[in-house]
Amino acid sequence: MKSLFKKKQEPSAVAVQTRNSLYPFQSLQDYIPQNSGELQLYDQLRQMVPIIDAAIDKILRLIGSFQVHCSDVDKEAPLQNFLQTIQVNATNCGLDRFLLEYLDQLLTYGNAVGEIVLQNGQIAALYNASLRDVELIAKTPLSLEVRRRTLSGSEPVPYPELVMVTALNPPPGSAKGVSLLRSLPFVTGILLEIFHTLGVNWERVGNVRFAVTCEPEQGGEPFAKERAEQMATQWKRAMTSRDPSDFVAVGNVHIQAIGADNQILDSEIPVRQMLEQIVAKLGIPPFLLGLSWSSTERMSSQQADLLTSELESYRRLLEPIIRKISTLWLRLSGSFGTVSIDWDDISLQDTTELTNAAHVRAQTKLLEEQIRKLKKENANA
């Protein structure tokens, strides 16, 4: 079989094209898909708000596994073995691991870039490229140029057919995808402000501070300063001692807790309002994130159905990547077979609903046949 890229006379081993060649402190330029500040913002959102990071992790786990079937029967078993053992980045293996990293990048930043690494005319590895290392430039409305960053700017990758790019819900005429977290900075800013204020108030009120007031006896005013310093020293000793300690003073002494009469604002309602906005944007039912909000069984079932539709849309974004990698491996192996992808059911509940629906359709078909049979008998009679 002739090599797919023979005309370009590529070497027997191709290094990763999209690897960053900048020095660690070289400033980054702003290009498609996002600038470095926007990428950092989305990273910080996942770091500062655990529920956002947990929701994306849940999506990655719930996306499920798949099986790739080939029309060429002799190549199906080797293809499946290849997809399970292919090296991914530096420490992982398997196409499913590559797709999880790819989808994680896609949901977080709105764009994802991956690369097929060839060696000796075969696929040697898969690589998840960082968006900070590449530029995506829309040359025409129907073509996209992939460029890698260099010390002098950027340059096109020599083998763009080995690079895979996906955009999440891009606006018309744009190659820049929309991050799943795009509308959350304002909401999370309010939520973090509430959490910060709550922590400060608890530090002030929870760690009790005392106001010690002493009214000296008549004639004792000349020694008020000395007595105040002695009382402060003894009070500090009594408060810092690990063993029970008494505080004894002469005169009319009043001790009062600072802030004891103040109440901390109730944060449950505003925090829940912010979390509702976050959960609505991420599309994850609250009970999957450990939020014990009151909901009926029917409502939970509807939320699970909505989640299923979300996961199926993400699966459709990954299918072209699976087909491209599998088809390229078949062509390099001398086969012109086609591939099909079968995803596992998302949950047992979905399987039960599909089974019940199939049972109802079968009963309906049987009743329709019986009615047609009766009508035919009546017509003959």
Protein backbone atom coordinates (compact mmCIF):
# COMPACT_ATOMS: atom_id res chain seq x y z
CA MET A 1 0.00 0.00 0.00
CA LYS A 2 1.27 3.46 -0.86
CA SER A 3 1.95 5.73 2.05
CA LEU A 4 -0.76 8.29 2.71
CA PHE A 5 1.79 11.13 2.91
CA LYS A 6 4.39 9.86 0.39
CA LYS A 7 4.28 13.04 -1.66
CA LYS A 8 5.52 15.07 1.31
CA GLN A 9 8.46 12.71 1.98
CA GLU A 10 8.01 12.77 5.71
CA PRO A 11 10.71 11.20 7.91
CA SER A 12 10.25 7.81 9.50
CA ALA A 13 9.67 9.40 12.91
CA VAL A 14 7.66 12.59 13.46
CA ALA A 15 8.04 14.40 16.78
CA VAL A 16 5.07 16.04 18.46
CA GLN A 17 4.35 19.18 16.44
CA THR A 18 2.27 21.08 18.97
CA ARG A 19 4.70 20.97 21.88
CA ASN A 20 5.57 24.37 23.35
CA SER A 21 8.96 25.71 22.26
CA LEU A 22 8.86 28.92 24.31
CA TYR A 23 10.98 29.65 27.35
CA PRO A 24 9.05 29.38 30.63
CA PHE A 25 8.85 33.15 31.11
CA GLN A 26 8.24 34.14 27.49
CA SER A 27 5.09 36.24 27.21
CA LEU A 28 2.25 34.67 25.23
CA GLN A 29 0.44 36.38 22.39
CA ASP A 30 -3.32 36.53 22.16
CA TYR A 31 -4.83 34.50 19.38
CA ILE A 32 -7.63 32.06 18.73
CA PRO A 33 -8.96 30.10 20.54
CA GLN A 34 -8.44 32.01 23.79
CA ASN A 35 -5.82 34.28 25.22
CA SER A 36 -3.73 33.18 28.16
CA GLY A 37 -5.69 35.33 30.62
CA GLU A 38 -8.97 33.66 29.70
CA LEU A 39 -7.44 30.19 29.99
CA GLN A 40 -6.06 31.08 33.41
CA LEU A 41 -9.47 32.41 34.48
CA TYR A 42 -11.17 29.09 33.71
CA ASP A 43 -8.40 27.19 35.51
CA GLN A 44 -8.88 29.36 38.59
CA LEU A 45 -12.65 28.84 38.52
CA ARG A 46 -12.14 25.08 38.80
CA GLN A 47 -9.55 25.51 41.52
CA MET A 48 -11.51 27.97 43.68
CA VAL A 49 -15.02 26.48 43.36
CA PRO A 50 -14.94 22.73 44.05
CA ILE A 51 -18.48 22.16 42.77
CA ILE A 52 -17.44 23.29 39.27
CA ASP A 53 -14.49 20.92 39.20
CA ALA A 54 -16.65 18.10 40.58
CA ALA A 55 -19.34 18.68 37.93
CA ILE A 56 -16.86 18.44 35.05
CA ASP A 57 -15.32 15.30 36.59
CA LYS A 58 -18.81 13.78 36.84
CA ILE A 59 -19.44 14.50 33.14
CA LEU A 60 -16.16 12.82 32.22
CA ARG A 61 -17.02 9.72 34.25
CA LEU A 62 -20.60 9.51 33.01
CA ILE A 63 -19.64 9.82 29.34
CA GLY A 64 -19.20 6.04 29.41
CA SER A 65 -17.18 3.60 27.32
CA PHE A 66 -17.56 2.48 23.72
CA GLN A 67 -16.72 -0.29 21.28
CA VAL A 68 -15.32 0.28 17.80
CA HIS A 69 -16.35 -2.27 15.18
CA CYS A 70 -14.78 -2.67 11.75
CA SER A 71 -16.35 -3.91 8.51
CA ASP A 72 -13.09 -5.77 7.86
CA VAL A 73 -13.50 -8.75 10.21
CA ASP A 74 -9.81 -9.64 10.15
CA LYS A 75 -8.85 -6.17 11.38
CA GLU A 76 -11.44 -5.74 14.14
CA ALA A 77 -9.52 -7.55 16.91
CA PRO A 78 -6.16 -5.83 16.10
CA LEU A 79 -7.97 -2.47 15.93
CA GLN A 80 -9.52 -2.91 19.36
CA ASN A 81 -6.17 -4.00 20.78
CA PHE A 82 -4.56 -0.90 19.28
CA LEU A 83 -7.20 1.40 20.79
CA GLN A 84 -6.65 -0.13 24.24
CA THR A 85 -2.85 -0.06 24.23
CA ILE A 86 -1.93 3.09 22.26
CA GLN A 87 0.34 5.41 24.23
CA VAL A 88 -1.28 8.67 25.33
CA ASN A 89 0.95 11.59 26.32
CA ALA A 90 3.81 10.54 28.60
CA THR A 91 2.15 8.38 31.26
CA ASN A 92 -1.18 7.02 29.99
CA CYS A 93 -2.41 4.55 27.40
CA GLY A 94 -5.68 3.81 25.64
CA LEU A 95 -7.94 5.88 23.42
CA ASP A 96 -10.46 6.35 26.24
CA ARG A 97 -7.81 8.15 28.32
CA PHE A 98 -7.02 10.44 25.39
CA LEU A 99 -10.72 11.25 24.91
CA LEU A 100 -11.19 12.09 28.60
CA GLU A 101 -8.35 14.62 28.48
CA TYR A 102 -9.68 15.92 25.17
CA LEU A 103 -13.22 16.38 26.50
CA ASP A 104 -11.93 17.94 29.74
CA GLN A 105 -10.08 20.56 27.69
CA LEU A 106 -13.09 21.08 25.43
CA LEU A 107 -15.53 21.71 28.29
CA THR A 108 -13.16 23.92 30.26
CA TYR A 109 -11.82 26.14 27.47
CA GLY A 110 -14.29 25.68 24.59
CA ASN A 111 -11.62 24.27 22.25
CA ALA A 112 -9.56 21.10 22.27
CA VAL A 113 -6.50 20.12 20.24
CA GLY A 114 -5.05 16.64 19.86
CA GLU A 115 -2.39 15.11 17.65
CA ILE A 116 -1.62 11.74 16.09
CA VAL A 117 2.10 10.95 16.34
CA LEU A 118 3.49 8.70 13.59
CA GLN A 119 6.61 6.56 13.75
CA ASN A 120 7.87 4.26 11.02
CA GLY A 121 4.64 4.60 9.11
CA GLN A 122 2.41 3.60 12.05
CA ILE A 123 0.54 5.44 14.79
CA ALA A 124 2.90 5.52 17.77
CA ALA A 125 1.08 7.77 20.24
CA LEU A 126 -1.68 10.30 20.83
CA TYR A 127 -0.93 13.71 22.32
CA ASN A 128 -3.22 16.25 24.02
CA ALA A 129 -1.84 19.66 23.05
CA SER A 130 -2.10 22.64 25.37
CA LEU A 131 -4.04 25.61 24.00
CA ARG A 132 -1.20 27.80 25.26
CA ASP A 133 1.14 26.13 22.76
CA VAL A 134 -0.96 26.50 19.60
CA GLU A 135 -2.87 29.09 17.61
CA LEU A 136 -5.97 28.39 15.56
CA ILE A 137 -6.50 30.87 12.75
CA ALA A 138 -9.55 30.78 10.49
CA LYS A 139 -8.02 31.38 7.06
CA THR A 140 -11.40 31.10 5.31
CA PRO A 141 -14.92 30.37 6.57
CA LEU A 142 -14.33 26.69 5.73
CA SER A 143 -10.64 26.20 6.61
CA LEU A 144 -8.67 26.38 9.82
CA GLU A 145 -4.91 26.75 10.09
CA VAL A 146 -3.13 25.19 13.08
CA ARG A 147 0.03 27.01 14.13
CA ARG A 148 2.50 26.30 16.91
CA ARG A 149 4.10 29.02 18.97
CA THR A 150 7.82 29.66 18.57
CA LEU A 151 10.32 32.16 19.92
CA SER A 152 9.84 34.36 16.87
CA GLY A 153 6.03 34.16 16.82
CA SER A 154 4.28 31.19 15.28
CA GLU A 155 4.51 28.86 12.30
CA PRO A 156 2.14 26.38 10.64
CA VAL A 157 2.50 22.76 11.70
CA PRO A 158 4.08 20.70 8.90
CA TYR A 159 1.42 17.95 8.98
CA PRO A 160 -1.96 19.54 9.77
CA GLU A 161 -3.80 16.35 8.74
CA LEU A 162 -2.46 14.71 11.91
CA VAL A 163 -3.92 17.40 14.19
CA MET A 164 -7.50 17.17 15.49
CA VAL A 165 -9.42 20.28 16.56
CA THR A 166 -12.88 20.54 18.10
CA ALA A 167 -14.86 23.64 19.10
CA LEU A 168 -17.74 23.62 21.58
CA ASN A 169 -20.77 25.55 20.26
CA PRO A 170 -18.74 28.10 18.25
CA PRO A 171 -20.57 31.24 17.11
CA PRO A 172 -21.30 31.42 13.35
CA GLY A 173 -18.21 32.39 11.38
CA SER A 174 -15.83 31.79 14.29
CA ALA A 175 -13.34 29.04 15.14
CA LYS A 176 -13.42 29.93 18.82
CA GLY A 177 -15.57 27.62 20.92
CA VAL A 178 -17.60 28.61 23.94
CA SER A 179 -16.42 27.32 27.31
CA LEU A 180 -18.94 25.61 29.56
CA LEU A 181 -17.77 28.05 32.26
CA ARG A 182 -18.14 31.24 30.21
CA SER A 183 -21.06 32.77 32.14
CA LEU A 184 -19.86 31.71 35.60
CA PRO A 185 -17.16 34.26 36.61
CA PHE A 186 -19.71 36.82 37.86
CA VAL A 187 -21.73 34.24 39.82
CA THR A 188 -18.66 32.57 41.31
CA GLY A 189 -17.28 35.98 42.27
CA ILE A 190 -20.34 36.61 44.44
CA LEU A 191 -20.15 33.11 45.88
CA LEU A 192 -16.47 33.46 46.79
CA GLU A 193 -17.18 36.87 48.36
CA ILE A 194 -19.82 35.27 50.59
CA PHE A 195 -17.45 32.47 51.57
CA HIS A 196 -14.63 34.92 52.30
CA THR A 197 -16.86 37.18 54.40
CA LEU A 198 -18.25 34.18 56.23
CA GLY A 199 -14.75 33.03 57.11
CA VAL A 200 -13.71 36.49 58.31
CA ASN A 201 -16.83 36.83 60.48
CA TRP A 202 -16.28 33.44 62.06
CA GLU A 203 -12.67 34.32 62.73
CA ARG A 204 -13.77 37.51 64.44
CA VAL A 205 -16.81 36.23 66.32
CA GLY A 206 -15.91 32.57 66.72
CA ASN A 207 -12.50 33.38 68.21
CA VAL A 208 -13.89 35.26 71.18
CA ARG A 209 -12.16 38.47 72.20
CA PHE A 210 -12.81 40.21 75.51
CA ALA A 211 -12.99 43.81 76.68
CA VAL A 212 -11.74 44.17 80.27
CA THR A 213 -12.78 47.40 81.98
CA CYS A 214 -11.64 48.36 85.47
CA GLU A 215 -13.02 51.25 87.51
CA PRO A 216 -10.32 52.14 90.07
CA GLU A 217 -11.17 52.98 93.66
CA GLN A 218 -11.08 56.51 94.95
CA GLY A 219 -7.51 57.79 95.18
CA GLY A 220 -6.19 55.14 92.86
CA GLU A 221 -6.11 57.26 89.70
CA PRO A 222 -2.35 58.08 89.93
CA PHE A 223 -1.58 54.36 89.64
CA ALA A 224 -4.20 53.58 86.95
CA LYS A 225 -1.64 53.05 84.19
CA GLU A 226 0.47 50.65 86.24
CA ARG A 227 -2.59 48.65 87.36
CA ALA A 228 -3.89 48.48 83.77
CA GLU A 229 -0.57 47.06 82.56
CA GLN A 230 -0.55 44.49 85.38
CA MET A 231 -4.13 43.45 84.60
CA ALA A 232 -3.31 43.13 80.88
CA THR A 233 -0.33 40.90 81.65
CA GLN A 234 -2.29 38.67 84.02
CA TRP A 235 -5.29 38.50 81.66
CA LYS A 236 -3.05 37.43 78.79
CA ARG A 237 -1.49 34.76 80.98
CA ALA A 238 -4.91 33.47 82.01
CA MET A 239 -6.14 33.32 78.40
CA THR A 240 -3.04 31.64 76.96
CA SER A 241 -2.58 29.09 79.74
CA ARG A 242 -3.55 25.53 78.82
CA ASP A 243 -4.42 24.74 82.43
CA PRO A 244 -7.45 26.29 84.15
CA SER A 245 -6.47 29.67 85.48
CA ASP A 246 -8.27 32.36 87.48
CA PHE A 247 -8.05 36.08 87.01
CA VAL A 248 -8.05 38.21 90.16
CA ALA A 249 -8.19 42.00 90.14
CA VAL A 250 -8.84 44.78 92.63
CA GLY A 251 -11.63 47.22 91.98
CA ASN A 252 -14.81 47.16 89.93
CA VAL A 253 -13.84 44.98 86.91
CA HIS A 254 -16.18 44.28 83.98
CA ILE A 255 -15.40 41.62 81.38
CA GLN A 256 -17.46 41.49 78.19
CA ALA A 257 -17.08 39.48 74.98
CA ILE A 258 -16.54 41.69 71.94
CA GLY A 259 -19.11 41.05 69.24
CA ALA A 260 -21.23 38.74 71.41
CA ASP A 261 -24.40 40.67 70.59
CA ASN A 262 -23.79 40.65 66.84
CA GLN A 263 -25.27 37.96 64.61
CA ILE A 264 -23.67 36.56 61.47
CA LEU A 265 -25.85 37.00 58.39
CA ASP A 266 -27.61 33.86 57.19
CA SER A 267 -25.76 32.69 54.06
CA GLU A 268 -27.86 29.64 53.19
CA ILE A 269 -30.29 31.38 50.81
CA PRO A 270 -27.77 33.51 48.82
CA VAL A 271 -25.32 30.60 48.58
CA ARG A 272 -28.06 28.33 47.28
CA GLN A 273 -29.10 30.94 44.72
CA MET A 274 -25.55 31.11 43.38
CA LEU A 275 -25.21 27.31 43.37
CA GLU A 276 -28.48 26.99 41.46
CA GLN A 277 -27.07 29.20 38.72
CA ILE A 278 -23.87 27.13 38.57
CA VAL A 279 -25.72 23.81 38.50
CA ALA A 280 -28.09 25.06 35.81
CA LYS A 281 -25.17 26.06 33.58
CA LEU A 282 -23.23 22.83 34.08
CA GLY A 283 -26.27 20.63 33.45
CA ILE A 284 -25.61 18.24 36.35
CA PRO A 285 -28.51 17.24 38.67
CA PRO A 286 -27.94 18.58 42.20
CA PHE A 287 -28.13 15.15 43.85
CA LEU A 288 -25.09 14.00 41.85
CA LEU A 289 -23.06 16.81 43.43
CA GLY A 290 -24.10 16.02 47.00
CA LEU A 291 -26.62 18.86 47.24
CA SER A 292 -29.57 17.65 49.30
CA TRP A 293 -32.16 19.97 47.81
CA SER A 294 -35.75 18.79 48.12
CA SER A 295 -36.94 17.10 44.91
CA THR A 296 -39.54 14.52 44.06
CA GLU A 297 -38.77 11.18 42.43
CA ARG A 298 -40.39 12.41 39.22
CA MET A 299 -38.20 15.51 39.18
CA SER A 300 -35.05 13.41 39.69
CA SER A 301 -36.08 11.19 36.77
CA GLN A 302 -36.54 14.22 34.51
CA GLN A 303 -33.17 15.61 35.57
CA ALA A 304 -31.55 12.27 34.73
CA ASP A 305 -33.17 12.35 31.28
CA LEU A 306 -31.81 15.86 30.65
CA LEU A 307 -28.35 14.72 31.74
CA THR A 308 -28.58 11.81 29.31
CA SER A 309 -29.26 14.17 26.42
CA GLU A 310 -26.29 16.34 27.47
CA LEU A 311 -23.97 13.34 27.55
CA GLU A 312 -25.17 12.14 24.16
CA SER A 313 -24.34 15.54 22.64
CA TYR A 314 -20.80 15.30 24.05
CA ARG A 315 -20.50 11.80 22.62
CA ARG A 316 -21.37 13.13 19.17
CA LEU A 317 -18.49 15.61 19.48
CA LEU A 318 -16.06 12.79 20.23
CA GLU A 319 -17.19 10.40 17.50
CA PRO A 320 -15.32 12.20 14.64
CA ILE A 321 -12.09 11.92 16.67
CA ILE A 322 -12.61 8.19 17.20
CA ARG A 323 -13.39 7.65 13.52
CA LYS A 324 -10.35 9.61 12.34
CA ILE A 325 -7.90 7.72 14.55
CA SER A 326 -9.43 4.32 13.79
CA THR A 327 -9.68 4.94 10.04
CA LEU A 328 -6.09 6.20 9.82
CA TRP A 329 -4.86 3.07 11.62
CA LEU A 330 -6.79 0.87 9.16
CA ARG A 331 -5.38 2.70 6.13
CA LEU A 332 -1.82 2.45 7.44
CA SER A 333 -2.45 -1.26 8.06
CA GLY A 334 -3.55 -1.82 4.46
CA SER A 335 -7.31 -2.03 5.05
CA PHE A 336 -10.09 0.02 3.46
CA GLY A 337 -12.72 -1.06 5.97
CA THR A 338 -15.12 1.30 7.68
CA VAL A 339 -15.74 1.67 11.41
CA SER A 340 -18.86 1.99 13.55
CA ILE A 341 -19.08 3.11 17.17
CA ASP A 342 -21.34 1.55 19.79
CA TRP A 343 -21.61 3.46 23.07
CA ASP A 344 -22.57 1.71 26.27
CA ASP A 345 -25.83 2.68 27.94
CA ILE A 346 -25.36 5.63 30.23
CA SER A 347 -27.21 4.08 33.18
CA LEU A 348 -29.41 1.18 34.17
CA GLN A 349 -32.37 3.54 34.32
CA ASP A 350 -31.96 4.35 30.63
CA THR A 351 -31.85 0.64 29.79
CA THR A 352 -35.07 0.04 31.74
CA GLU A 353 -36.84 2.94 30.03
CA LEU A 354 -35.77 1.71 26.58
CA THR A 355 -36.93 -1.81 27.39
CA ASN A 356 -40.32 -0.58 28.58
CA ALA A 357 -40.71 1.56 25.48
CA ALA A 358 -39.88 -1.40 23.22
CA HIS A 359 -42.42 -3.54 25.12
CA VAL A 360 -45.14 -0.91 24.67
CA ARG A 361 -44.39 -0.61 20.95
CA ALA A 362 -44.60 -4.40 20.56
CA GLN A 363 -47.98 -4.48 22.34
CA THR A 364 -49.25 -1.65 20.13
CA LYS A 365 -48.14 -3.47 16.99
CA LEU A 366 -49.86 -6.67 18.14
CA LEU A 367 -53.13 -4.81 18.82
CA GLU A 368 -52.99 -3.14 15.40
CA GLU A 369 -52.55 -6.52 13.71
CA GLN A 370 -55.50 -7.97 15.64
CA ILE A 371 -57.69 -5.01 14.65
CA ARG A 372 -56.74 -5.36 10.98
CA LYS A 373 -57.50 -9.10 11.18
CA LEU A 374 -60.93 -8.47 12.69
CA LYS A 375 -61.74 -5.85 10.07
CA LYS A 376 -60.75 -8.27 7.32
CA GLU A 377 -62.93 -11.06 8.77
CA ASN A 378 -65.90 -8.71 9.07
CA ALA A 379 -65.45 -7.58 5.46
CA ASN A 380 -65.38 -11.17 4.22
CA ALA A 381 -68.47 -12.06 6.24
